[in-house]
């Protein structure tokens, strides 16, 4: 019975903490939102990032095309001369083509990762700048939370009042005058060039005499 009284008293105490006036009144909750993609698209750094990524992608594409040309040249030479090759030379050429084809495929995968790393490296300073500005705007205007309204598979904000959008306030804080219909850069990493390696000749078994 004593334990029952203690449990009931504890329940009353917890309930009272919800309904009793707080000794220290909390500030009212104020929530704002912004589109990081929109803010990024308005920044002068955005065009430079896109230009740098395009140039980097062009370099990777040139390397892949060079490897593909080498492969195609050796493949055509093999196809023209295979009828006169000895079994040993033929097997050696087939092995060389297979190894070169695998090398191109591996380079293509590495190029995709390299593009992602390059994008992250270029975006990191700009995103840090945006975050610091968001923090400053939130402190100056009394926002408890600032959400991201960018669309995606799991958007953070589904609905909000227009006056809660602090995107232009953030831009003005950075000294940028917002312009209408600015193209927002893609948040997806640019795709590396396709490898497109032709099918290597299948190895033919030679009968031993």
N, C-alpha and C. Protein backbone atom coordinates (compact mmCIF):
# COMPACT_ATOMS: atom_id res chain seq x y z
N UNK A 1 0.83 -1.22 0.00
CA UNK A 1 0.00 0.00 0.00
C UNK A 1 0.86 1.26 0.00
N UNK A 2 2.00 1.18 0.74
CA UNK A 2 2.90 2.33 0.79
C UNK A 2 3.49 2.62 -0.58
N UNK A 3 3.86 1.53 -1.30
CA UNK A 3 4.39 1.70 -2.65
C UNK A 3 3.35 2.31 -3.59
N UNK A 4 2.09 1.92 -3.41
CA UNK A 4 1.01 2.44 -4.22
C UNK A 4 0.85 3.94 -4.00
N UNK A 5 0.96 4.38 -2.74
CA UNK A 5 0.86 5.81 -2.42
C UNK A 5 2.01 6.59 -3.05
N UNK A 6 3.20 6.00 -3.00
CA UNK A 6 4.36 6.68 -3.58
C UNK A 6 4.22 6.81 -5.10
N UNK A 7 3.70 5.75 -5.73
CA UNK A 7 3.51 5.77 -7.19
C UNK A 7 2.48 6.82 -7.57
N UNK A 8 1.39 6.88 -6.83
CA UNK A 8 0.33 7.85 -7.11
C UNK A 8 0.84 9.28 -6.90
N UNK A 9 1.65 9.49 -5.87
CA UNK A 9 2.21 10.81 -5.60
C UNK A 9 3.15 11.24 -6.71
N UNK A 10 3.94 10.29 -7.20
CA UNK A 10 4.87 10.59 -8.29
C UNK A 10 4.11 10.97 -9.56
N UNK A 11 2.98 10.25 -9.81
CA UNK A 11 2.16 10.55 -10.98
C UNK A 11 1.58 11.95 -10.90
N UNK A 12 1.13 12.33 -9.71
CA UNK A 12 0.58 13.67 -9.53
C UNK A 12 1.65 14.74 -9.73
N UNK A 13 2.87 14.43 -9.27
CA UNK A 13 3.96 15.38 -9.41
C UNK A 13 4.31 15.60 -10.87
N UNK A 14 4.35 14.50 -11.65
CA UNK A 14 4.67 14.60 -13.07
C UNK A 14 3.57 15.35 -13.81
N UNK A 15 2.30 15.04 -13.48
CA UNK A 15 1.18 15.73 -14.13
C UNK A 15 1.22 17.22 -13.81
N UNK A 16 1.55 17.54 -12.56
CA UNK A 16 1.61 18.93 -12.16
C UNK A 16 2.68 19.70 -12.87
N UNK A 17 3.76 19.02 -13.24
CA UNK A 17 4.85 19.71 -13.93
C UNK A 17 4.43 20.14 -15.33
N UNK A 18 3.44 19.47 -15.93
CA UNK A 18 2.98 19.84 -17.26
C UNK A 18 1.99 21.01 -17.23
N UNK A 19 1.19 21.07 -16.19
CA UNK A 19 0.13 22.07 -16.16
C UNK A 19 0.44 23.28 -15.29
N UNK A 20 1.38 23.15 -14.35
CA UNK A 20 1.72 24.28 -13.49
C UNK A 20 2.50 25.31 -14.27
N UNK A 21 2.33 26.60 -13.98
CA UNK A 21 3.10 27.65 -14.67
C UNK A 21 4.59 27.45 -14.44
N UNK A 22 5.36 27.58 -15.49
CA UNK A 22 6.81 27.40 -15.39
C UNK A 22 7.44 28.62 -14.73
N UNK A 23 8.43 28.33 -13.89
CA UNK A 23 9.12 29.44 -13.20
C UNK A 23 9.91 30.27 -14.20
N UNK A 24 10.45 29.57 -15.20
CA UNK A 24 11.20 30.27 -16.24
C UNK A 24 10.45 30.10 -17.56
N UNK A 25 9.76 31.13 -17.98
CA UNK A 25 8.97 31.05 -19.21
C UNK A 25 9.90 30.89 -20.41
N UNK A 26 9.57 29.91 -21.27
CA UNK A 26 10.39 29.69 -22.47
C UNK A 26 9.95 30.62 -23.58
N UNK A 27 10.92 30.95 -24.45
CA UNK A 27 10.63 31.82 -25.60
C UNK A 27 9.71 31.07 -26.56
N UNK A 28 8.82 31.78 -27.24
CA UNK A 28 7.90 31.12 -28.18
C UNK A 28 8.67 30.45 -29.31
N UNK A 29 8.18 29.31 -29.75
CA UNK A 29 8.81 28.55 -30.83
C UNK A 29 8.60 29.28 -32.16
N UNK A 30 9.69 29.52 -32.88
CA UNK A 30 9.61 30.21 -34.17
C UNK A 30 10.39 29.37 -35.19
N UNK A 31 9.69 28.94 -36.22
CA UNK A 31 10.30 28.07 -37.22
C UNK A 31 10.34 28.75 -38.58
N UNK A 32 11.50 28.72 -39.21
CA UNK A 32 11.66 29.26 -40.56
C UNK A 32 12.13 28.15 -41.49
N UNK A 33 12.18 28.45 -42.77
CA UNK A 33 12.68 27.45 -43.72
C UNK A 33 13.38 28.14 -44.88
N UNK A 34 14.21 27.37 -45.57
CA UNK A 34 14.94 27.90 -46.72
C UNK A 34 15.22 26.78 -47.71
N UNK A 35 15.47 27.14 -48.94
CA UNK A 35 15.90 26.17 -49.95
C UNK A 35 17.40 26.35 -50.15
N UNK A 36 18.17 25.37 -49.71
CA UNK A 36 19.62 25.45 -49.85
C UNK A 36 20.01 25.49 -51.32
N UNK A 37 19.28 24.73 -52.16
CA UNK A 37 19.58 24.74 -53.60
C UNK A 37 19.34 26.13 -54.19
N UNK A 38 18.26 26.77 -53.78
CA UNK A 38 17.96 28.12 -54.28
C UNK A 38 19.04 29.10 -53.86
N UNK A 39 19.42 29.06 -52.59
CA UNK A 39 20.46 29.95 -52.09
C UNK A 39 21.77 29.72 -52.84
N UNK A 40 22.12 28.44 -53.03
CA UNK A 40 23.35 28.10 -53.74
C UNK A 40 23.33 28.60 -55.18
N UNK A 41 22.16 28.49 -55.82
CA UNK A 41 22.05 28.92 -57.22
C UNK A 41 22.25 30.42 -57.39
N UNK A 42 21.99 31.20 -56.33
CA UNK A 42 22.11 32.65 -56.39
C UNK A 42 23.54 33.12 -56.08
N UNK A 43 24.35 32.24 -55.56
CA UNK A 43 25.70 32.62 -55.18
C UNK A 43 26.64 32.61 -56.38
N UNK A 44 27.55 33.58 -56.46
CA UNK A 44 28.49 33.61 -57.59
C UNK A 44 29.40 32.39 -57.64
N UNK A 45 29.63 31.75 -56.51
CA UNK A 45 30.48 30.55 -56.48
C UNK A 45 29.86 29.39 -57.25
N UNK A 46 28.53 29.43 -57.42
CA UNK A 46 27.82 28.33 -58.05
C UNK A 46 28.29 28.10 -59.49
N UNK A 47 28.42 29.18 -60.26
CA UNK A 47 28.84 29.06 -61.66
C UNK A 47 30.26 28.53 -61.76
N UNK A 48 31.11 28.95 -60.85
CA UNK A 48 32.50 28.49 -60.87
C UNK A 48 32.59 27.01 -60.55
N UNK A 49 31.75 26.56 -59.61
CA UNK A 49 31.73 25.15 -59.25
C UNK A 49 31.30 24.31 -60.45
N UNK A 50 30.24 24.73 -61.13
CA UNK A 50 29.76 23.99 -62.29
C UNK A 50 30.81 23.97 -63.40
N UNK A 51 31.52 25.09 -63.57
CA UNK A 51 32.57 25.17 -64.59
C UNK A 51 33.73 24.23 -64.27
N UNK A 52 34.12 24.21 -63.00
CA UNK A 52 35.22 23.35 -62.57
C UNK A 52 34.86 21.87 -62.71
N UNK A 53 33.62 21.53 -62.35
CA UNK A 53 33.18 20.14 -62.47
C UNK A 53 33.12 19.70 -63.94
N UNK A 54 32.67 20.59 -64.80
CA UNK A 54 32.60 20.28 -66.22
C UNK A 54 33.99 20.06 -66.80
N UNK A 55 34.94 20.90 -66.40
CA UNK A 55 36.31 20.77 -66.88
C UNK A 55 36.93 19.47 -66.38
N UNK A 56 36.65 19.13 -65.12
CA UNK A 56 37.19 17.90 -64.55
C UNK A 56 36.61 16.68 -65.25
N UNK A 57 35.31 16.73 -65.52
CA UNK A 57 34.66 15.64 -66.24
C UNK A 57 35.21 15.47 -67.64
N UNK A 58 35.53 16.58 -68.29
CA UNK A 58 36.11 16.53 -69.64
C UNK A 58 37.46 15.84 -69.62
N UNK A 59 38.25 16.10 -68.59
CA UNK A 59 39.56 15.45 -68.46
C UNK A 59 39.41 13.94 -68.30
N UNK A 60 38.47 13.54 -67.46
CA UNK A 60 38.24 12.11 -67.26
C UNK A 60 37.75 11.45 -68.54
N UNK A 61 36.88 12.15 -69.25
CA UNK A 61 36.34 11.61 -70.50
C UNK A 61 37.44 11.43 -71.54
N UNK A 62 38.39 12.38 -71.59
CA UNK A 62 39.49 12.29 -72.54
C UNK A 62 40.37 11.07 -72.23
N UNK A 63 40.58 10.81 -70.94
CA UNK A 63 41.39 9.64 -70.56
C UNK A 63 40.69 8.34 -70.92
N UNK A 64 39.38 8.29 -70.69
CA UNK A 64 38.63 7.08 -71.04
C UNK A 64 38.63 6.86 -72.55
N UNK A 65 38.42 7.92 -73.31
CA UNK A 65 38.41 7.79 -74.78
C UNK A 65 39.76 7.33 -75.30
N UNK A 66 40.84 7.80 -74.69
CA UNK A 66 42.18 7.37 -75.09
C UNK A 66 42.36 5.87 -74.87
N UNK A 67 41.89 5.39 -73.72
CA UNK A 67 41.98 3.96 -73.42
C UNK A 67 41.08 3.16 -74.37
N UNK A 68 39.90 3.69 -74.69
CA UNK A 68 38.99 3.01 -75.60
C UNK A 68 39.59 2.91 -77.00
N UNK A 69 40.25 3.98 -77.44
CA UNK A 69 40.88 3.98 -78.76
C UNK A 69 41.98 2.94 -78.83
N UNK A 70 42.78 2.87 -77.76
CA UNK A 70 43.84 1.87 -77.71
C UNK A 70 43.26 0.46 -77.78
N UNK A 71 42.18 0.25 -77.03
CA UNK A 71 41.53 -1.06 -77.02
C UNK A 71 40.99 -1.41 -78.40
N UNK A 72 40.30 -0.46 -79.04
CA UNK A 72 39.69 -0.71 -80.33
C UNK A 72 40.75 -1.01 -81.39
N UNK A 73 41.86 -0.28 -81.33
CA UNK A 73 42.94 -0.50 -82.30
C UNK A 73 43.51 -1.91 -82.15
N UNK A 74 43.75 -2.33 -80.92
CA UNK A 74 44.31 -3.66 -80.67
C UNK A 74 43.30 -4.76 -81.01
N UNK A 75 42.01 -4.47 -80.77
CA UNK A 75 40.97 -5.44 -81.09
C UNK A 75 40.89 -5.67 -82.60
N UNK A 76 40.92 -4.59 -83.37
CA UNK A 76 40.85 -4.71 -84.83
C UNK A 76 42.08 -5.42 -85.38
N UNK A 77 43.25 -5.13 -84.80
CA UNK A 77 44.47 -5.80 -85.24
C UNK A 77 44.40 -7.30 -84.95
N UNK A 78 43.83 -7.62 -83.81
CA UNK A 78 43.67 -9.03 -83.44
C UNK A 78 42.72 -9.73 -84.41
N UNK A 79 41.58 -9.09 -84.70
CA UNK A 79 40.58 -9.70 -85.58
C UNK A 79 41.12 -9.92 -87.00
N UNK A 80 41.96 -9.00 -87.47
CA UNK A 80 42.50 -9.12 -88.82
C UNK A 80 43.59 -10.19 -88.91
N UNK A 81 44.36 -10.31 -87.84
CA UNK A 81 45.51 -11.22 -87.93
C UNK A 81 45.37 -12.53 -87.21
N UNK A 82 44.22 -12.79 -86.59
CA UNK A 82 44.09 -14.00 -85.77
C UNK A 82 44.22 -15.28 -86.58
N UNK A 83 43.85 -15.22 -87.86
CA UNK A 83 43.92 -16.44 -88.68
C UNK A 83 45.36 -16.90 -88.92
N UNK A 84 46.31 -16.00 -88.84
CA UNK A 84 47.71 -16.34 -89.09
C UNK A 84 48.52 -16.45 -87.80
N UNK A 85 47.88 -16.24 -86.65
CA UNK A 85 48.59 -16.28 -85.38
C UNK A 85 48.78 -17.72 -84.90
N UNK A 86 49.89 -17.95 -84.24
CA UNK A 86 50.09 -19.24 -83.61
C UNK A 86 49.22 -19.29 -82.36
N UNK A 87 48.89 -20.46 -81.85
CA UNK A 87 48.04 -20.56 -80.65
C UNK A 87 48.58 -19.77 -79.47
N UNK A 88 49.90 -19.74 -79.31
CA UNK A 88 50.50 -19.03 -78.18
C UNK A 88 50.30 -17.53 -78.32
N UNK A 89 50.57 -16.99 -79.51
CA UNK A 89 50.42 -15.55 -79.74
C UNK A 89 48.95 -15.15 -79.65
N UNK A 90 48.08 -16.00 -80.19
CA UNK A 90 46.64 -15.71 -80.15
C UNK A 90 46.15 -15.62 -78.71
N UNK A 91 46.57 -16.57 -77.89
CA UNK A 91 46.16 -16.57 -76.49
C UNK A 91 46.71 -15.35 -75.77
N UNK A 92 47.92 -14.96 -76.11
CA UNK A 92 48.55 -13.79 -75.48
C UNK A 92 47.79 -12.51 -75.85
N UNK A 93 47.36 -12.38 -77.11
CA UNK A 93 46.61 -11.20 -77.55
C UNK A 93 45.24 -11.13 -76.88
N UNK A 94 44.61 -12.28 -76.74
CA UNK A 94 43.30 -12.32 -76.09
C UNK A 94 43.42 -11.92 -74.62
N UNK A 95 44.48 -12.38 -73.98
CA UNK A 95 44.71 -12.02 -72.58
C UNK A 95 44.96 -10.52 -72.45
N UNK A 96 45.71 -9.97 -73.39
CA UNK A 96 46.00 -8.53 -73.37
C UNK A 96 44.73 -7.71 -73.53
N UNK A 97 43.85 -8.13 -74.44
CA UNK A 97 42.60 -7.42 -74.67
C UNK A 97 41.68 -7.51 -73.44
N UNK A 98 41.62 -8.68 -72.84
CA UNK A 98 40.79 -8.85 -71.65
C UNK A 98 41.27 -7.97 -70.51
N UNK A 99 42.59 -7.95 -70.30
CA UNK A 99 43.17 -7.13 -69.24
C UNK A 99 42.91 -5.65 -69.49
N UNK A 100 43.06 -5.22 -70.74
CA UNK A 100 42.83 -3.82 -71.08
C UNK A 100 41.36 -3.44 -70.90
N UNK A 101 40.46 -4.34 -71.28
CA UNK A 101 39.03 -4.08 -71.10
C UNK A 101 38.66 -3.95 -69.64
N UNK A 102 39.21 -4.81 -68.80
CA UNK A 102 38.95 -4.73 -67.36
C UNK A 102 39.50 -3.43 -66.78
N UNK A 103 40.66 -3.01 -67.30
CA UNK A 103 41.27 -1.76 -66.84
C UNK A 103 40.38 -0.56 -67.14
N UNK A 104 39.74 -0.57 -68.30
CA UNK A 104 38.85 0.53 -68.67
C UNK A 104 37.61 0.54 -67.77
N UNK A 105 37.07 -0.64 -67.49
CA UNK A 105 35.91 -0.73 -66.61
C UNK A 105 36.25 -0.21 -65.21
N UNK A 106 37.40 -0.59 -64.70
CA UNK A 106 37.83 -0.16 -63.37
C UNK A 106 38.06 1.35 -63.34
N UNK A 107 38.62 1.87 -64.43
CA UNK A 107 38.86 3.31 -64.50
C UNK A 107 37.54 4.08 -64.50
N UNK A 108 36.52 3.51 -65.17
CA UNK A 108 35.21 4.16 -65.20
C UNK A 108 34.60 4.24 -63.81
N UNK A 109 34.73 3.16 -63.03
CA UNK A 109 34.21 3.17 -61.66
C UNK A 109 34.98 4.16 -60.80
N UNK A 110 36.29 4.18 -60.96
CA UNK A 110 37.12 5.12 -60.21
C UNK A 110 36.79 6.56 -60.58
N UNK A 111 36.48 6.79 -61.86
CA UNK A 111 36.15 8.14 -62.32
C UNK A 111 34.87 8.65 -61.67
N UNK A 112 33.89 7.76 -61.48
CA UNK A 112 32.63 8.14 -60.84
C UNK A 112 32.88 8.58 -59.40
N UNK A 113 33.69 7.81 -58.69
CA UNK A 113 34.03 8.17 -57.31
C UNK A 113 34.81 9.47 -57.26
N UNK A 114 35.69 9.64 -58.23
CA UNK A 114 36.51 10.85 -58.29
C UNK A 114 35.65 12.08 -58.53
N UNK A 115 34.62 11.94 -59.37
CA UNK A 115 33.71 13.05 -59.63
C UNK A 115 32.95 13.44 -58.37
N UNK A 116 32.51 12.44 -57.61
CA UNK A 116 31.78 12.70 -56.37
C UNK A 116 32.66 13.42 -55.36
N UNK A 117 33.91 12.96 -55.24
CA UNK A 117 34.84 13.58 -54.30
C UNK A 117 35.16 15.02 -54.71
N UNK A 118 35.30 15.23 -56.02
CA UNK A 118 35.57 16.57 -56.53
C UNK A 118 34.42 17.52 -56.22
N UNK A 119 33.19 17.03 -56.41
CA UNK A 119 32.01 17.85 -56.14
C UNK A 119 31.94 18.21 -54.66
N UNK A 120 32.18 17.22 -53.80
CA UNK A 120 32.14 17.47 -52.36
C UNK A 120 33.20 18.48 -51.94
N UNK A 121 34.39 18.36 -52.53
CA UNK A 121 35.48 19.29 -52.20
C UNK A 121 35.13 20.72 -52.59
N UNK A 122 34.51 20.87 -53.76
CA UNK A 122 34.15 22.21 -54.25
C UNK A 122 32.98 22.81 -53.47
N UNK A 123 32.02 21.95 -53.09
CA UNK A 123 30.81 22.43 -52.41
C UNK A 123 31.02 22.71 -50.92
N UNK A 124 31.96 22.00 -50.29
CA UNK A 124 32.10 22.09 -48.84
C UNK A 124 32.27 23.52 -48.33
N UNK A 125 33.19 24.33 -48.88
CA UNK A 125 33.35 25.70 -48.37
C UNK A 125 32.09 26.55 -48.55
N UNK A 126 31.38 26.34 -49.67
CA UNK A 126 30.18 27.12 -49.95
C UNK A 126 29.05 26.72 -49.01
N UNK A 127 28.90 25.42 -48.77
CA UNK A 127 27.86 24.94 -47.86
C UNK A 127 28.14 25.39 -46.43
N UNK A 128 29.42 25.42 -46.07
CA UNK A 128 29.79 25.93 -44.73
C UNK A 128 29.42 27.40 -44.59
N UNK A 129 29.64 28.15 -45.67
CA UNK A 129 29.31 29.58 -45.68
C UNK A 129 27.80 29.77 -45.52
N UNK A 130 27.01 28.95 -46.23
CA UNK A 130 25.56 29.03 -46.13
C UNK A 130 25.10 28.70 -44.71
N UNK A 131 25.70 27.65 -44.12
CA UNK A 131 25.31 27.24 -42.78
C UNK A 131 25.59 28.34 -41.75
N UNK A 132 26.76 28.97 -41.85
CA UNK A 132 27.10 30.05 -40.92
C UNK A 132 26.14 31.23 -41.05
N UNK A 133 25.73 31.51 -42.29
CA UNK A 133 24.79 32.60 -42.52
C UNK A 133 23.41 32.25 -41.98
N UNK A 134 23.00 31.00 -42.15
CA UNK A 134 21.71 30.55 -41.60
C UNK A 134 21.72 30.70 -40.09
N UNK A 135 22.82 30.32 -39.46
CA UNK A 135 22.93 30.45 -38.00
C UNK A 135 22.80 31.91 -37.57
N UNK A 136 23.45 32.81 -38.32
CA UNK A 136 23.41 34.22 -37.98
C UNK A 136 22.01 34.80 -38.15
N UNK A 137 21.35 34.44 -39.26
CA UNK A 137 19.99 34.92 -39.52
C UNK A 137 19.02 34.39 -38.46
N UNK A 138 19.19 33.14 -38.09
CA UNK A 138 18.31 32.55 -37.06
C UNK A 138 18.49 33.26 -35.73
N UNK A 139 19.72 33.55 -35.34
CA UNK A 139 19.98 34.24 -34.07
C UNK A 139 19.43 35.67 -34.09
N UNK A 140 19.62 36.36 -35.20
CA UNK A 140 19.19 37.76 -35.30
C UNK A 140 17.67 37.90 -35.36
N UNK A 141 17.00 36.90 -35.91
CA UNK A 141 15.54 37.00 -36.10
C UNK A 141 14.74 36.11 -35.15
N UNK A 142 15.42 35.46 -34.24
CA UNK A 142 14.72 34.68 -33.22
C UNK A 142 14.13 33.37 -33.68
N UNK A 143 14.72 32.76 -34.73
CA UNK A 143 14.20 31.48 -35.19
C UNK A 143 14.79 30.36 -34.35
N UNK A 144 13.90 29.50 -33.84
CA UNK A 144 14.34 28.35 -33.06
C UNK A 144 14.89 27.27 -33.98
N UNK A 145 14.20 27.05 -35.10
CA UNK A 145 14.64 26.08 -36.09
C UNK A 145 14.54 26.69 -37.48
N UNK A 146 15.45 26.29 -38.37
CA UNK A 146 15.36 26.63 -39.79
C UNK A 146 15.46 25.32 -40.56
N UNK A 147 14.39 24.97 -41.28
CA UNK A 147 14.31 23.71 -42.01
C UNK A 147 14.70 23.89 -43.47
N UNK A 148 15.04 22.78 -44.12
CA UNK A 148 15.38 22.80 -45.54
C UNK A 148 14.15 22.41 -46.35
N UNK A 149 13.74 23.25 -47.29
CA UNK A 149 12.52 22.99 -48.06
C UNK A 149 12.79 22.35 -49.41
N UNK A 150 14.05 21.98 -49.69
CA UNK A 150 14.36 21.36 -50.97
C UNK A 150 13.58 20.07 -51.15
N UNK A 151 13.13 19.82 -52.37
CA UNK A 151 12.40 18.59 -52.66
C UNK A 151 13.37 17.42 -52.74
N UNK A 152 12.85 16.24 -52.48
CA UNK A 152 13.68 15.04 -52.52
C UNK A 152 12.85 13.85 -52.12
N UNK A 153 13.53 12.72 -51.94
CA UNK A 153 12.79 11.51 -51.56
C UNK A 153 12.19 11.63 -50.16
N UNK A 154 12.87 12.40 -49.28
CA UNK A 154 12.37 12.61 -47.92
C UNK A 154 12.46 14.09 -47.57
N UNK A 155 11.57 14.92 -48.13
CA UNK A 155 11.65 16.36 -47.85
C UNK A 155 11.42 16.66 -46.38
N UNK A 156 12.16 17.65 -45.85
CA UNK A 156 12.04 18.02 -44.45
C UNK A 156 10.78 18.85 -44.23
N UNK A 157 10.46 19.71 -45.20
CA UNK A 157 9.30 20.59 -45.06
C UNK A 157 8.26 20.27 -46.13
N UNK A 158 7.05 20.02 -45.70
CA UNK A 158 5.96 19.74 -46.63
C UNK A 158 5.05 20.94 -46.84
N UNK A 159 4.99 21.83 -45.86
CA UNK A 159 4.14 23.03 -45.98
C UNK A 159 4.62 24.06 -44.97
N UNK A 160 4.51 25.32 -45.37
CA UNK A 160 4.90 26.39 -44.46
C UNK A 160 4.42 27.73 -44.98
N UNK A 161 4.23 28.70 -44.11
CA UNK A 161 3.78 30.03 -44.53
C UNK A 161 4.87 30.77 -45.30
N UNK A 162 4.47 31.62 -46.21
CA UNK A 162 5.42 32.36 -47.04
C UNK A 162 6.37 33.20 -46.19
N UNK A 163 5.84 33.80 -45.13
CA UNK A 163 6.69 34.67 -44.31
C UNK A 163 7.70 33.87 -43.49
N UNK A 164 7.61 32.54 -43.55
CA UNK A 164 8.60 31.72 -42.86
C UNK A 164 9.82 31.41 -43.72
N UNK A 165 9.75 31.78 -45.02
CA UNK A 165 10.86 31.54 -45.94
C UNK A 165 11.93 32.61 -45.73
N UNK A 166 13.09 32.18 -45.25
CA UNK A 166 14.17 33.13 -44.95
C UNK A 166 15.27 33.09 -46.01
N UNK A 167 14.99 32.48 -47.17
CA UNK A 167 16.02 32.33 -48.21
C UNK A 167 16.60 33.67 -48.64
N UNK A 168 15.73 34.63 -48.95
CA UNK A 168 16.21 35.94 -49.41
C UNK A 168 16.91 36.70 -48.29
N UNK A 169 16.48 36.47 -47.07
CA UNK A 169 17.15 37.11 -45.93
C UNK A 169 18.58 36.59 -45.81
N UNK A 170 18.75 35.30 -46.05
CA UNK A 170 20.08 34.69 -46.00
C UNK A 170 20.97 35.26 -47.10
N UNK A 171 20.40 35.39 -48.30
CA UNK A 171 21.17 35.94 -49.42
C UNK A 171 21.59 37.38 -49.16
N UNK A 172 20.65 38.18 -48.67
CA UNK A 172 20.97 39.58 -48.37
C UNK A 172 22.01 39.69 -47.28
N UNK A 173 21.99 38.76 -46.35
CA UNK A 173 23.00 38.73 -45.28
C UNK A 173 24.39 38.50 -45.86
N UNK A 174 24.46 37.79 -46.97
CA UNK A 174 25.74 37.54 -47.65
C UNK A 174 26.07 38.60 -48.68
N UNK A 175 25.20 39.64 -48.77
CA UNK A 175 25.44 40.71 -49.73
C UNK A 175 25.04 40.38 -51.14
N UNK A 176 24.11 39.43 -51.30
CA UNK A 176 23.66 39.00 -52.62
C UNK A 176 22.22 39.45 -52.85
N UNK A 177 21.97 40.10 -53.97
CA UNK A 177 20.61 40.51 -54.33
C UNK A 177 19.94 39.37 -55.08
N UNK A 178 18.86 38.80 -54.55
CA UNK A 178 18.20 37.66 -55.20
C UNK A 178 17.68 38.03 -56.58
N UNK A 179 17.82 37.10 -57.52
CA UNK A 179 17.29 37.28 -58.87
C UNK A 179 16.30 36.16 -59.14
N UNK A 180 15.27 36.46 -59.94
CA UNK A 180 14.22 35.48 -60.21
C UNK A 180 14.68 34.43 -61.20
N UNK A 181 14.12 33.23 -61.02
CA UNK A 181 14.32 32.12 -61.96
C UNK A 181 15.79 31.76 -62.18
N UNK A 182 16.59 31.84 -61.16
CA UNK A 182 17.98 31.41 -61.28
C UNK A 182 18.01 29.88 -61.29
N UNK A 183 18.75 29.27 -62.23
CA UNK A 183 18.79 27.81 -62.29
C UNK A 183 19.51 27.22 -61.09
N UNK A 184 18.85 26.33 -60.41
CA UNK A 184 19.45 25.70 -59.24
C UNK A 184 20.36 24.57 -59.67
N UNK A 185 21.59 24.51 -59.19
CA UNK A 185 22.49 23.42 -59.55
C UNK A 185 22.02 22.11 -58.96
N UNK A 186 22.29 21.03 -59.66
CA UNK A 186 21.87 19.72 -59.18
C UNK A 186 22.68 19.31 -57.96
N UNK A 187 22.00 18.71 -57.00
CA UNK A 187 22.70 18.22 -55.81
C UNK A 187 23.27 16.83 -56.05
N UNK A 188 22.90 16.22 -57.19
CA UNK A 188 23.44 14.92 -57.51
C UNK A 188 24.82 15.07 -58.14
N UNK A 189 25.71 14.16 -57.80
CA UNK A 189 27.06 14.22 -58.36
C UNK A 189 27.00 13.96 -59.86
N UNK A 190 27.75 14.73 -60.68
CA UNK A 190 27.76 14.50 -62.13
C UNK A 190 28.23 13.08 -62.45
N UNK A 191 27.67 12.51 -63.47
CA UNK A 191 28.04 11.15 -63.83
C UNK A 191 29.33 11.15 -64.63
N UNK A 192 30.16 10.17 -64.36
CA UNK A 192 31.40 10.01 -65.11
C UNK A 192 31.07 9.51 -66.52
N UNK A 193 31.95 9.73 -67.50
CA UNK A 193 31.70 9.27 -68.86
C UNK A 193 31.55 7.75 -68.90
N UNK A 194 30.72 7.28 -69.84
CA UNK A 194 30.51 5.85 -69.99
C UNK A 194 31.76 5.19 -70.54
N UNK A 195 32.05 3.97 -70.08
CA UNK A 195 33.24 3.26 -70.55
C UNK A 195 33.01 2.68 -71.94
N UNK A 196 31.86 2.04 -72.15
CA UNK A 196 31.51 1.54 -73.48
C UNK A 196 32.57 0.64 -74.09
N UNK A 197 33.10 -0.31 -73.33
CA UNK A 197 34.15 -1.18 -73.84
C UNK A 197 33.54 -2.25 -74.74
N UNK A 198 34.05 -2.44 -75.98
CA UNK A 198 33.55 -3.50 -76.84
C UNK A 198 33.81 -4.86 -76.21
N UNK A 199 33.05 -5.86 -76.63
CA UNK A 199 33.22 -7.19 -76.09
C UNK A 199 34.55 -7.78 -76.53
N UNK A 200 35.31 -8.24 -75.57
CA UNK A 200 36.60 -8.86 -75.90
C UNK A 200 36.38 -10.23 -76.52
N UNK A 201 37.28 -10.67 -77.39
CA UNK A 201 37.13 -11.98 -78.01
C UNK A 201 37.22 -13.08 -76.97
N UNK A 202 36.40 -14.10 -77.13
CA UNK A 202 36.45 -15.22 -76.20
C UNK A 202 37.67 -16.08 -76.48
N UNK A 203 38.21 -16.61 -75.41
CA UNK A 203 39.41 -17.44 -75.57
C UNK A 203 39.03 -18.77 -76.23
N UNK A 204 39.83 -19.16 -77.21
CA UNK A 204 39.59 -20.42 -77.90
C UNK A 204 40.58 -21.45 -77.40
N UNK A 205 40.06 -22.63 -77.13
CA UNK A 205 40.92 -23.69 -76.65
C UNK A 205 41.60 -24.38 -77.84
N UNK A 206 42.90 -24.61 -77.74
CA UNK A 206 43.64 -25.30 -78.79
C UNK A 206 43.89 -26.74 -78.37
N UNK A 207 43.72 -27.62 -79.32
CA UNK A 207 43.92 -29.04 -79.02
C UNK A 207 45.41 -29.36 -79.05
N UNK A 208 45.87 -30.05 -78.05
CA UNK A 208 47.27 -30.44 -78.03
C UNK A 208 47.45 -31.72 -78.84
N UNK A 209 48.47 -31.71 -79.64
CA UNK A 209 48.72 -32.89 -80.49
C UNK A 209 49.61 -33.88 -79.75
